[in-house]
Amino acid sequence: MMWFVMLVAALTGRLGTRRQRALAAAAAERDLPGRLAVLRARPLYPAAAGAEVTFRVTDDPDAVVHVRVDREPPGQGELAKAVADGLAAAERWRDLHGAFADGGHDVLALDRLVAEPWIAADITNETVAELLDGVGRCLARREHGAPMTVLIAHPEVAARLPDRDPGAPTLLRLTARRRLAALSGGRPYHRAWFEWRDGQPLPGTGHLTLVRPFEDRQRYAAAVEASAAVWLAGADPSATVCSAGGVWRLLPGRVDRLTGFVVYRDEPEPGPVFLGKHALRVTTDLDGALVGTPEILRDVREGRGPLRLPAL
């Protein structure tokens, strides 16, 4: 039954955008004969908003052009601006692609246009510093130096990326939802970020953040809370763990150790949600087991106010 509903929705969308496709194609032939070709049109919500029509540029295999069309064809100025935006994005892409290719990295996808590039690397404690330095140099090579982070997938994930239409414009393929979902949805990945000055990443400031699927984060938090509860039972029998939520960061130069805070209470609180007024600063492995001795931080919350935790 579900496949039938999806088929009807697809056919309805196609029929509903036929007029907008025709209007956009006519405008392109009027203003830029032979240079634009309609690729697709998707209805906008609500339906009264018309459709977004996507073109490829016949003399630029990287560029993609998006135009909103309703009851009238796009005006000459509107179409010209959309084409200029598409060509400018393609130039930024070639700049970004060249900078990373020079550093030995293939850009697999773009989380934003044109930003947040995805690359592949198998990161270890022995290679993390070299990788971050190399990614920083790639970012510094660009002519268009807007600050951005870099997303890093495991090579096994990169090897299985879907590519439904290898002949589509580069920027359409690299921002495809299925491609991005395949990179970010199945297993953990890393985000590399830097401190920036005057449009350049500062050397030696690279950091990695571990990004996990929701279920993995839940399992990890539960494991940390259980490990902290065992340790607290020996250090302070009156203590009860409240939560291990919040930001967890990789230790500098490590990809197998995380540090963060576990909040706990040692006296009764009004329920039903127990906030806790003390915290443990802990280091864990990737499974949530404690590594080393936690640091007790007392009175980091007053009443039911916000936590006052030190920087990690």
C-alpha atoms as a PDB file:
ATOM      1  CA  MET A   1       0.000   0.000   0.000  1.00  0.00           C
ATOM      2  CA  MET A   2       2.824   2.384   0.867  1.00  0.00           C
ATOM      3  CA  TRP A   3       4.400   2.008  -2.581  1.00  0.00           C
ATOM      4  CA  PHE A   4       1.075   2.975  -4.170  1.00  0.00           C
ATOM      5  CA  VAL A   5       0.823   6.138  -2.045  1.00  0.00           C
ATOM      6  CA  MET A   6       4.394   7.089  -2.965  1.00  0.00           C
ATOM      7  CA  LEU A   7       3.710   6.477  -6.665  1.00  0.00           C
ATOM      8  CA  VAL A   8       0.575   8.634  -6.595  1.00  0.00           C
ATOM      9  CA  ALA A   9       2.475  11.418  -4.787  1.00  0.00           C
ATOM     10  CA  ALA A  10       5.276  11.305  -7.362  1.00  0.00           C
ATOM     11  CA  LEU A  11       2.877  11.386 -10.303  1.00  0.00           C
ATOM     12  CA  THR A  12       0.843  14.183  -8.731  1.00  0.00           C
ATOM     13  CA  GLY A  13       3.987  16.251  -8.151  1.00  0.00           C
ATOM     14  CA  ARG A  14       5.137  15.688 -11.734  1.00  0.00           C
ATOM     15  CA  LEU A  15       1.794  16.672 -13.217  1.00  0.00           C
ATOM     16  CA  GLY A  16       1.502  19.628 -10.856  1.00  0.00           C
ATOM     17  CA  THR A  17       4.840  21.064 -11.971  1.00  0.00           C
ATOM     18  CA  ARG A  18       4.436  20.513 -15.729  1.00  0.00           C
ATOM     19  CA  ARG A  19       3.325  24.105 -16.317  1.00  0.00           C
ATOM     20  CA  GLN A  20       6.215  25.540 -14.274  1.00  0.00           C
ATOM     21  CA  ARG A  21       8.721  23.403 -16.190  1.00  0.00           C
ATOM     22  CA  ALA A  22       7.358  24.705 -19.474  1.00  0.00           C
ATOM     23  CA  LEU A  23       7.409  28.318 -18.309  1.00  0.00           C
ATOM     24  CA  ALA A  24      10.992  27.993 -17.050  1.00  0.00           C
ATOM     25  CA  ALA A  25      12.166  26.292 -20.239  1.00  0.00           C
ATOM     26  CA  ALA A  26      10.567  29.013 -22.370  1.00  0.00           C
ATOM     27  CA  ALA A  27      12.214  31.758 -20.300  1.00  0.00           C
ATOM     28  CA  ALA A  28      15.613  30.052 -20.595  1.00  0.00           C
ATOM     29  CA  GLU A  29      15.302  29.738 -24.364  1.00  0.00           C
ATOM     30  CA  ARG A  30      14.212  33.367 -24.588  1.00  0.00           C
ATOM     31  CA  ASP A  31      17.060  34.807 -22.506  1.00  0.00           C
ATOM     32  CA  LEU A  32      19.877  32.253 -22.819  1.00  0.00           C
ATOM     33  CA  PRO A  33      19.174  30.103 -25.878  1.00  0.00           C
ATOM     34  CA  GLY A  34      20.885  26.742 -25.752  1.00  0.00           C
ATOM     35  CA  ARG A  35      22.661  27.381 -22.448  1.00  0.00           C
ATOM     36  CA  LEU A  36      20.188  26.007 -19.904  1.00  0.00           C
ATOM     37  CA  ALA A  37      18.378  22.657 -19.811  1.00  0.00           C
ATOM     38  CA  VAL A  38      15.616  21.777 -17.349  1.00  0.00           C
ATOM     39  CA  LEU A  39      16.519  18.854 -15.113  1.00  0.00           C
ATOM     40  CA  ARG A  40      13.568  18.663 -12.759  1.00  0.00           C
ATOM     41  CA  ALA A  41      10.875  20.600 -10.930  1.00  0.00           C
ATOM     42  CA  ARG A  42       9.580  20.052  -7.432  1.00  0.00           C
ATOM     43  CA  PRO A  43       6.419  21.546  -5.952  1.00  0.00           C
ATOM     44  CA  LEU A  44       6.903  24.033  -3.144  1.00  0.00           C
ATOM     45  CA  TYR A  45       4.792  24.067   0.015  1.00  0.00           C
ATOM     46  CA  PRO A  46       2.163  25.349   0.106  1.00  0.00           C
ATOM     47  CA  ALA A  47       1.122  24.508  -3.434  1.00  0.00           C
ATOM     48  CA  ALA A  48       0.306  28.166  -4.086  1.00  0.00           C
ATOM     49  CA  ALA A  49       4.032  28.890  -3.856  1.00  0.00           C
ATOM     50  CA  GLY A  50       4.591  27.221  -7.230  1.00  0.00           C
ATOM     51  CA  ALA A  51       7.617  25.068  -7.962  1.00  0.00           C
ATOM     52  CA  GLU A  52      11.392  25.150  -7.880  1.00  0.00           C
ATOM     53  CA  VAL A  53      12.784  24.388 -11.328  1.00  0.00           C
ATOM     54  CA  THR A  54      16.355  23.127 -11.597  1.00  0.00           C
ATOM     55  CA  PHE A  55      18.547  23.624 -14.675  1.00  0.00           C
ATOM     56  CA  ARG A  56      21.929  22.370 -15.707  1.00  0.00           C
ATOM     57  CA  VAL A  57      24.254  24.761 -17.532  1.00  0.00           C
ATOM     58  CA  THR A  58      25.298  23.253 -20.858  1.00  0.00           C
ATOM     59  CA  ASP A  59      28.812  24.737 -20.786  1.00  0.00           C
ATOM     60  CA  ASP A  60      29.558  24.128 -17.084  1.00  0.00           C
ATOM     61  CA  PRO A  61      29.246  20.529 -15.840  1.00  0.00           C
ATOM     62  CA  ASP A  62      29.570  21.617 -12.205  1.00  0.00           C
ATOM     63  CA  ALA A  63      26.904  24.335 -12.069  1.00  0.00           C
ATOM     64  CA  VAL A  64      23.254  23.967 -11.109  1.00  0.00           C
ATOM     65  CA  VAL A  65      20.642  26.728 -11.330  1.00  0.00           C
ATOM     66  CA  HIS A  66      17.449  26.926  -9.243  1.00  0.00           C
ATOM     67  CA  VAL A  67      14.537  29.209 -10.120  1.00  0.00           C
ATOM     68  CA  ARG A  68      11.176  29.590  -8.423  1.00  0.00           C
ATOM     69  CA  VAL A  69       8.284  29.631 -10.894  1.00  0.00           C
ATOM     70  CA  ASP A  70       4.598  30.155 -10.203  1.00  0.00           C
ATOM     71  CA  ARG A  71       2.048  31.401 -12.741  1.00  0.00           C
ATOM     72  CA  GLU A  72       4.405  33.529 -14.809  1.00  0.00           C
ATOM     73  CA  PRO A  73       7.772  32.732 -16.353  1.00  0.00           C
ATOM     74  CA  PRO A  74      10.788  34.094 -14.467  1.00  0.00           C
ATOM     75  CA  GLY A  75      11.806  37.564 -15.575  1.00  0.00           C
ATOM     76  CA  GLN A  76      15.078  38.218 -17.368  1.00  0.00           C
ATOM     77  CA  GLY A  77      16.671  39.754 -14.265  1.00  0.00           C
ATOM     78  CA  GLU A  78      15.519  36.912 -12.004  1.00  0.00           C
ATOM     79  CA  LEU A  79      16.863  34.251 -14.339  1.00  0.00           C
ATOM     80  CA  ALA A  80      20.133  36.123 -14.855  1.00  0.00           C
ATOM     81  CA  LYS A  81      20.674  36.346 -11.089  1.00  0.00           C
ATOM     82  CA  ALA A  82      19.943  32.644 -10.622  1.00  0.00           C
ATOM     83  CA  VAL A  83      22.441  31.759 -13.338  1.00  0.00           C
ATOM     84  CA  ALA A  84      25.069  34.092 -11.872  1.00  0.00           C
ATOM     85  CA  ASP A  85      24.565  32.516  -8.437  1.00  0.00           C
ATOM     86  CA  GLY A  86      24.884  29.031  -9.926  1.00  0.00           C
ATOM     87  CA  LEU A  87      28.062  29.873 -11.821  1.00  0.00           C
ATOM     88  CA  ALA A  88      29.592  31.562  -8.761  1.00  0.00           C
ATOM     89  CA  ALA A  89      28.856  28.470  -6.654  1.00  0.00           C
ATOM     90  CA  ALA A  90      30.526  26.302  -9.304  1.00  0.00           C
ATOM     91  CA  GLU A  91      33.633  28.506  -9.153  1.00  0.00           C
ATOM     92  CA  ARG A  92      33.733  28.174  -5.359  1.00  0.00           C
ATOM     93  CA  TRP A  93      33.375  24.432  -5.748  1.00  0.00           C
ATOM     94  CA  ARG A  94      36.308  24.198  -8.158  1.00  0.00           C
ATOM     95  CA  ASP A  95      38.374  26.288  -5.762  1.00  0.00           C
ATOM     96  CA  LEU A  96      37.460  24.005  -2.838  1.00  0.00           C
ATOM     97  CA  HIS A  97      37.918  20.823  -4.851  1.00  0.00           C
ATOM     98  CA  GLY A  98      41.332  21.905  -6.105  1.00  0.00           C
ATOM     99  CA  ALA A  99      42.523  22.854  -2.627  1.00  0.00           C
ATOM    100  CA  PHE A 100      41.574  19.466  -1.187  1.00  0.00           C
ATOM    101  CA  ALA A 101      42.862  17.532  -4.204  1.00  0.00           C
ATOM    102  CA  ASP A 102      46.240  19.222  -3.734  1.00  0.00           C
ATOM    103  CA  GLY A 103      46.169  17.928  -0.155  1.00  0.00           C
ATOM    104  CA  GLY A 104      45.347  14.375  -1.254  1.00  0.00           C
ATOM    105  CA  HIS A 105      41.638  14.372  -0.369  1.00  0.00           C
ATOM    106  CA  ASP A 106      38.641  13.663  -2.570  1.00  0.00           C
ATOM    107  CA  VAL A 107      35.581  15.730  -1.622  1.00  0.00           C
ATOM    108  CA  LEU A 108      32.726  13.230  -1.377  1.00  0.00           C
ATOM    109  CA  ALA A 109      29.813  15.575  -0.699  1.00  0.00           C
ATOM    110  CA  LEU A 110      28.868  19.029   0.520  1.00  0.00           C
ATOM    111  CA  ASP A 111      26.662  19.439   3.564  1.00  0.00           C
ATOM    112  CA  ARG A 112      25.952  23.024   2.461  1.00  0.00           C
ATOM    113  CA  LEU A 113      26.468  24.841  -0.835  1.00  0.00           C
ATOM    114  CA  VAL A 114      29.463  25.378  -1.086  1.00  0.00           C
ATOM    115  CA  ALA A 115      30.652  24.464   2.423  1.00  0.00           C
ATOM    116  CA  GLU A 116      31.023  21.664   4.961  1.00  0.00           C
ATOM    117  CA  PRO A 117      32.911  19.283   2.644  1.00  0.00           C
ATOM    118  CA  TRP A 118      32.942  15.548   3.369  1.00  0.00           C
ATOM    119  CA  ILE A 119      36.181  13.610   3.028  1.00  0.00           C
ATOM    120  CA  ALA A 120      37.174  10.066   4.030  1.00  0.00           C
ATOM    121  CA  ALA A 121      39.899   9.031   6.467  1.00  0.00           C
ATOM    122  CA  ASP A 122      40.566   6.197   8.908  1.00  0.00           C
ATOM    123  CA  ILE A 123      41.664   8.280  11.912  1.00  0.00           C
ATOM    124  CA  THR A 124      43.846   6.871  14.690  1.00  0.00           C
ATOM    125  CA  ASN A 125      45.646   8.422  17.643  1.00  0.00           C
ATOM    126  CA  GLU A 126      48.842   8.247  15.611  1.00  0.00           C
ATOM    127  CA  THR A 127      47.399  10.057  12.577  1.00  0.00           C
ATOM    128  CA  VAL A 128      44.955  12.590  14.053  1.00  0.00           C
ATOM    129  CA  ALA A 129      47.435  15.470  14.409  1.00  0.00           C
ATOM    130  CA  GLU A 130      48.813  15.023  10.889  1.00  0.00           C
ATOM    131  CA  LEU A 131      45.303  14.792   9.444  1.00  0.00           C
ATOM    132  CA  LEU A 132      44.133  17.978  11.153  1.00  0.00           C
ATOM    133  CA  ASP A 133      47.216  19.867  10.002  1.00  0.00           C
ATOM    134  CA  GLY A 134      46.661  18.653   6.451  1.00  0.00           C
ATOM    135  CA  VAL A 135      42.976  19.603   6.433  1.00  0.00           C
ATOM    136  CA  GLY A 136      43.887  23.034   7.792  1.00  0.00           C
ATOM    137  CA  ARG A 137      46.348  23.518   4.919  1.00  0.00           C
ATOM    138  CA  CYS A 138      43.654  22.512   2.412  1.00  0.00           C
ATOM    139  CA  LEU A 139      41.305  25.143   3.790  1.00  0.00           C
ATOM    140  CA  ALA A 140      44.070  27.755   3.716  1.00  0.00           C
ATOM    141  CA  ARG A 141      44.755  27.087   0.001  1.00  0.00           C
ATOM    142  CA  ARG A 142      41.338  28.319  -1.087  1.00  0.00           C
ATOM    143  CA  GLU A 143      40.869  31.698  -2.689  1.00  0.00           C
ATOM    144  CA  HIS A 144      37.355  31.903  -1.231  1.00  0.00           C
ATOM    145  CA  GLY A 145      38.338  31.641   2.419  1.00  0.00           C
ATOM    146  CA  ALA A 146      35.071  31.620   4.382  1.00  0.00           C
ATOM    147  CA  PRO A 147      35.392  29.678   7.669  1.00  0.00           C
ATOM    148  CA  MET A 148      33.982  26.164   7.540  1.00  0.00           C
ATOM    149  CA  THR A 149      34.219  22.808   9.224  1.00  0.00           C
ATOM    150  CA  VAL A 150      35.143  19.564   7.476  1.00  0.00           C
ATOM    151  CA  LEU A 151      33.224  16.314   7.927  1.00  0.00           C
ATOM    152  CA  ILE A 152      35.186  13.057   7.907  1.00  0.00           C
ATOM    153  CA  ALA A 153      33.611   9.691   7.125  1.00  0.00           C
ATOM    154  CA  HIS A 154      35.194   6.273   7.497  1.00  0.00           C
ATOM    155  CA  PRO A 155      36.518   4.915   4.164  1.00  0.00           C
ATOM    156  CA  GLU A 156      34.138   1.940   4.375  1.00  0.00           C
ATOM    157  CA  VAL A 157      31.187   4.341   4.344  1.00  0.00           C
ATOM    158  CA  ALA A 158      32.665   6.348   1.475  1.00  0.00           C
ATOM    159  CA  ALA A 159      33.069   3.184  -0.600  1.00  0.00           C
ATOM    160  CA  ARG A 160      29.325   2.484  -0.468  1.00  0.00           C
ATOM    161  CA  LEU A 161      28.019   5.924  -1.391  1.00  0.00           C
ATOM    162  CA  PRO A 162      24.969   5.942  -3.678  1.00  0.00           C
ATOM    163  CA  ASP A 163      25.176   7.929  -6.895  1.00  0.00           C
ATOM    164  CA  ARG A 164      21.858   7.705  -8.741  1.00  0.00           C
ATOM    165  CA  ASP A 165      22.824  10.015 -11.590  1.00  0.00           C
ATOM    166  CA  PRO A 166      26.574  10.312 -12.250  1.00  0.00           C
ATOM    167  CA  GLY A 167      25.805  12.516 -15.272  1.00  0.00           C
ATOM    168  CA  ALA A 168      24.057  15.204 -13.189  1.00  0.00           C
ATOM    169  CA  PRO A 169      25.821  18.512 -12.456  1.00  0.00           C
ATOM    170  CA  THR A 170      28.494  18.080  -9.811  1.00  0.00           C
ATOM    171  CA  LEU A 171      26.846  20.351  -7.258  1.00  0.00           C
ATOM    172  CA  LEU A 172      23.555  18.519  -7.620  1.00  0.00           C
ATOM    173  CA  ARG A 173      25.185  15.132  -7.015  1.00  0.00           C
ATOM    174  CA  LEU A 174      27.304  16.290  -4.085  1.00  0.00           C
ATOM    175  CA  THR A 175      24.351  17.799  -2.205  1.00  0.00           C
ATOM    176  CA  ALA A 176      21.881  14.964  -2.900  1.00  0.00           C
ATOM    177  CA  ARG A 177      19.914  13.976   0.186  1.00  0.00           C
ATOM    178  CA  ARG A 178      20.539  10.254  -0.240  1.00  0.00           C
ATOM    179  CA  ARG A 179      24.270  10.837  -0.485  1.00  0.00           C
ATOM    180  CA  LEU A 180      24.362  12.998   2.636  1.00  0.00           C
ATOM    181  CA  ALA A 181      22.157  10.556   4.543  1.00  0.00           C
ATOM    182  CA  ALA A 182      24.481   7.677   3.632  1.00  0.00           C
ATOM    183  CA  LEU A 183      27.455   9.595   5.019  1.00  0.00           C
ATOM    184  CA  SER A 184      25.873  10.785   8.263  1.00  0.00           C
ATOM    185  CA  GLY A 185      23.251   8.215   9.166  1.00  0.00           C
ATOM    186  CA  GLY A 186      24.784   4.777   9.493  1.00  0.00           C
ATOM    187  CA  ARG A 187      27.806   5.071  11.759  1.00  0.00           C
ATOM    188  CA  PRO A 188      29.779   7.684  13.701  1.00  0.00           C
ATOM    189  CA  TYR A 189      31.789  10.304  11.848  1.00  0.00           C
ATOM    190  CA  HIS A 190      34.072  13.184  12.813  1.00  0.00           C
ATOM    191  CA  ARG A 191      33.845  16.933  12.406  1.00  0.00           C
ATOM    192  CA  ALA A 192      37.096  18.882  12.120  1.00  0.00           C
ATOM    193  CA  TRP A 193      36.990  22.522  13.188  1.00  0.00           C
ATOM    194  CA  PHE A 194      39.550  25.283  13.565  1.00  0.00           C
ATOM    195  CA  GLU A 195      40.038  28.702  15.037  1.00  0.00           C
ATOM    196  CA  TRP A 196      39.983  31.336  12.288  1.00  0.00           C
ATOM    197  CA  ARG A 197      41.514  34.759  11.745  1.00  0.00           C
ATOM    198  CA  ASP A 198      41.123  36.962   8.666  1.00  0.00           C
ATOM    199  CA  GLY A 199      39.511  34.120   6.716  1.00  0.00           C
ATOM    200  CA  GLN A 200      42.337  31.659   7.447  1.00  0.00           C
ATOM    201  CA  PRO A 201      42.455  28.675   9.820  1.00  0.00           C
ATOM    202  CA  LEU A 202      45.114  29.200  12.468  1.00  0.00           C
ATOM    203  CA  PRO A 203      47.818  26.511  12.300  1.00  0.00           C
ATOM    204  CA  GLY A 204      47.764  24.070  15.185  1.00  0.00           C
ATOM    205  CA  THR A 205      44.191  24.879  16.261  1.00  0.00           C
ATOM    206  CA  GLY A 206      42.468  21.867  14.700  1.00  0.00           C
ATOM    207  CA  HIS A 207      40.031  19.897  16.839  1.00  0.00           C
ATOM    208  CA  LEU A 208      37.912  16.830  16.214  1.00  0.00           C
ATOM    209  CA  THR A 209      34.343  16.248  17.376  1.00  0.00           C
ATOM    210  CA  LEU A 210      32.803  12.773  17.337  1.00  0.00           C
ATOM    211  CA  VAL A 211      29.270  12.730  15.898  1.00  0.00           C
ATOM    212  CA  ARG A 212      27.197   9.651  16.624  1.00  0.00           C
ATOM    213  CA  PRO A 213      23.740   8.422  15.583  1.00  0.00           C
ATOM    214  CA  PHE A 214      21.032   9.044  18.176  1.00  0.00           C
ATOM    215  CA  GLU A 215      20.857   5.430  19.357  1.00  0.00           C
ATOM    216  CA  ASP A 216      24.620   5.311  19.868  1.00  0.00           C
ATOM    217  CA  ARG A 217      24.504   8.512  21.916  1.00  0.00           C
ATOM    218  CA  GLN A 218      21.771   7.060  24.110  1.00  0.00           C
ATOM    219  CA  ARG A 219      23.711   3.837  24.711  1.00  0.00           C
ATOM    220  CA  TYR A 220      26.867   5.776  25.480  1.00  0.00           C
ATOM    221  CA  ALA A 221      25.129   8.103  27.972  1.00  0.00           C
ATOM    222  CA  ALA A 222      23.551   5.130  29.743  1.00  0.00           C
ATOM    223  CA  ALA A 223      26.926   3.382  29.984  1.00  0.00           C
ATOM    224  CA  VAL A 224      28.610   6.517  31.374  1.00  0.00           C
ATOM    225  CA  GLU A 225      25.876   6.953  33.991  1.00  0.00           C
ATOM    226  CA  ALA A 226      26.218   3.302  35.056  1.00  0.00           C
ATOM    227  CA  SER A 227      30.020   3.571  35.284  1.00  0.00           C
ATOM    228  CA  ALA A 228      29.787   6.818  37.270  1.00  0.00           C
ATOM    229  CA  ALA A 229      27.209   5.294  39.634  1.00  0.00           C
ATOM    230  CA  VAL A 230      29.568   2.413  40.435  1.00  0.00           C
ATOM    231  CA  TRP A 231      32.427   4.822  41.156  1.00  0.00           C
ATOM    232  CA  LEU A 232      30.230   7.133  43.263  1.00  0.00           C
ATOM    233  CA  ALA A 233      29.002   4.189  45.334  1.00  0.00           C
ATOM    234  CA  GLY A 234      32.513   3.863  46.670  1.00  0.00           C
ATOM    235  CA  ALA A 235      33.376   7.560  46.875  1.00  0.00           C
ATOM    236  CA  ASP A 236      30.067   8.926  48.227  1.00  0.00           C
ATOM    237  CA  PRO A 237      27.357   6.368  49.081  1.00  0.00           C
ATOM    238  CA  SER A 238      24.735   9.146  49.432  1.00  0.00           C
ATOM    239  CA  ALA A 239      25.197  10.225  45.790  1.00  0.00           C
ATOM    240  CA  THR A 240      22.789   9.457  42.962  1.00  0.00           C
ATOM    241  CA  VAL A 241      23.587  10.060  39.294  1.00  0.00           C
ATOM    242  CA  CYS A 242      21.145  12.439  37.576  1.00  0.00           C
ATOM    243  CA  SER A 243      22.433  12.684  33.998  1.00  0.00           C
ATOM    244  CA  ALA A 244      25.396  12.362  31.676  1.00  0.00           C
ATOM    245  CA  GLY A 245      23.985  14.594  28.972  1.00  0.00           C
ATOM    246  CA  GLY A 246      25.500  17.634  27.352  1.00  0.00           C
ATOM    247  CA  VAL A 247      28.681  18.086  25.345  1.00  0.00           C
ATOM    248  CA  TRP A 248      31.253  15.288  25.241  1.00  0.00           C
ATOM    249  CA  ARG A 249      34.576  16.067  23.599  1.00  0.00           C
ATOM    250  CA  LEU A 250      37.453  14.014  22.350  1.00  0.00           C
ATOM    251  CA  LEU A 251      40.668  14.551  24.237  1.00  0.00           C
ATOM    252  CA  PRO A 252      43.150  16.554  22.145  1.00  0.00           C
ATOM    253  CA  GLY A 253      45.197  14.210  19.965  1.00  0.00           C
ATOM    254  CA  ARG A 254      42.961  11.208  20.747  1.00  0.00           C
ATOM    255  CA  VAL A 255      40.077   9.556  18.959  1.00  0.00           C
ATOM    256  CA  ASP A 256      39.440   6.879  21.626  1.00  0.00           C
ATOM    257  CA  ARG A 257      38.877   9.033  24.724  1.00  0.00           C
ATOM    258  CA  LEU A 258      36.005  11.374  25.527  1.00  0.00           C
ATOM    259  CA  THR A 259      35.700  13.851  28.369  1.00  0.00           C
ATOM    260  CA  GLY A 260      32.611  15.463  29.855  1.00  0.00           C
ATOM    261  CA  PHE A 261      30.480  15.839  32.980  1.00  0.00           C
ATOM    262  CA  VAL A 262      28.144  13.592  34.951  1.00  0.00           C
ATOM    263  CA  VAL A 263      25.724  15.488  37.206  1.00  0.00           C
ATOM    264  CA  TYR A 264      24.710  13.961  40.521  1.00  0.00           C
ATOM    265  CA  ARG A 265      22.905  14.788  43.787  1.00  0.00           C
ATOM    266  CA  ASP A 266      23.672  13.831  47.381  1.00  0.00           C
ATOM    267  CA  GLU A 267      20.509  15.090  49.082  1.00  0.00           C
ATOM    268  CA  PRO A 268      16.760  14.932  48.382  1.00  0.00           C
ATOM    269  CA  GLU A 269      15.316  17.151  45.619  1.00  0.00           C
ATOM    270  CA  PRO A 270      11.756  17.948  44.610  1.00  0.00           C
ATOM    271  CA  GLY A 271      10.773  15.730  41.694  1.00  0.00           C
ATOM    272  CA  PRO A 272       9.817  14.459  39.292  1.00  0.00           C
ATOM    273  CA  VAL A 273      13.004  15.599  37.474  1.00  0.00           C
ATOM    274  CA  PHE A 274      16.179  15.500  39.579  1.00  0.00           C
ATOM    275  CA  LEU A 275      18.712  18.062  38.393  1.00  0.00           C
ATOM    276  CA  GLY A 276      21.650  17.549  40.758  1.00  0.00           C
ATOM    277  CA  LYS A 277      23.977  20.215  42.152  1.00  0.00           C
ATOM    278  CA  HIS A 278      27.346  18.463  41.864  1.00  0.00           C
ATOM    279  CA  ALA A 279      29.265  17.018  38.905  1.00  0.00           C
ATOM    280  CA  LEU A 280      32.027  14.620  38.029  1.00  0.00           C
ATOM    281  CA  ARG A 281      34.471  15.534  35.295  1.00  0.00           C
ATOM    282  CA  VAL A 282      35.220  12.146  33.746  1.00  0.00           C
ATOM    283  CA  THR A 283      37.198  10.600  30.920  1.00  0.00           C
ATOM    284  CA  THR A 284      35.748   7.531  29.214  1.00  0.00           C
ATOM    285  CA  ASP A 285      36.468   5.147  26.387  1.00  0.00           C
ATOM    286  CA  LEU A 286      34.118   5.111  23.398  1.00  0.00           C
ATOM    287  CA  ASP A 287      31.867   2.567  25.104  1.00  0.00           C
ATOM    288  CA  GLY A 288      31.301   4.718  28.198  1.00  0.00           C
ATOM    289  CA  ALA A 289      33.628   3.003  30.693  1.00  0.00           C
ATOM    290  CA  LEU A 290      35.534   5.360  33.006  1.00  0.00           C
ATOM    291  CA  VAL A 291      39.247   5.822  32.370  1.00  0.00           C
ATOM    292  CA  GLY A 292      41.227   7.184  35.297  1.00  0.00           C
ATOM    293  CA  THR A 293      39.817   8.830  38.416  1.00  0.00           C
ATOM    294  CA  PRO A 294      36.933  11.324  38.059  1.00  0.00           C
ATOM    295  CA  GLU A 295      37.271  14.859  39.427  1.00  0.00           C
ATOM    296  CA  ILE A 296      34.524  15.933  41.845  1.00  0.00           C
ATOM    297  CA  LEU A 297      33.087  19.416  41.216  1.00  0.00           C
ATOM    298  CA  ARG A 298      30.791  20.453  44.054  1.00  0.00           C
ATOM    299  CA  ASP A 299      28.017  23.075  44.031  1.00  0.00           C
ATOM    300  CA  VAL A 300      27.936  23.704  40.288  1.00  0.00           C
ATOM    301  CA  ARG A 301      24.211  24.475  40.473  1.00  0.00           C
ATOM    302  CA  GLU A 302      22.284  26.721  42.852  1.00  0.00           C
ATOM    303  CA  GLY A 303      18.759  25.538  43.521  1.00  0.00           C
ATOM    304  CA  ARG A 304      17.154  24.637  40.212  1.00  0.00           C
ATOM    305  CA  GLY A 305      19.176  27.152  38.233  1.00  0.00           C
ATOM    306  CA  PRO A 306      21.585  26.495  35.351  1.00  0.00           C
ATOM    307  CA  LEU A 307      24.784  24.528  35.699  1.00  0.00           C
ATOM    308  CA  ARG A 308      28.033  26.447  36.095  1.00  0.00           C
ATOM    309  CA  LEU A 309      30.591  24.032  34.683  1.00  0.00           C
ATOM    310  CA  PRO A 310      34.197  24.824  33.770  1.00  0.00           C
ATOM    311  CA  ALA A 311      35.370  24.607  30.183  1.00  0.00           C
ATOM    312  CA  LEU A 312      36.398  21.168  28.972  1.00  0.00           C
END
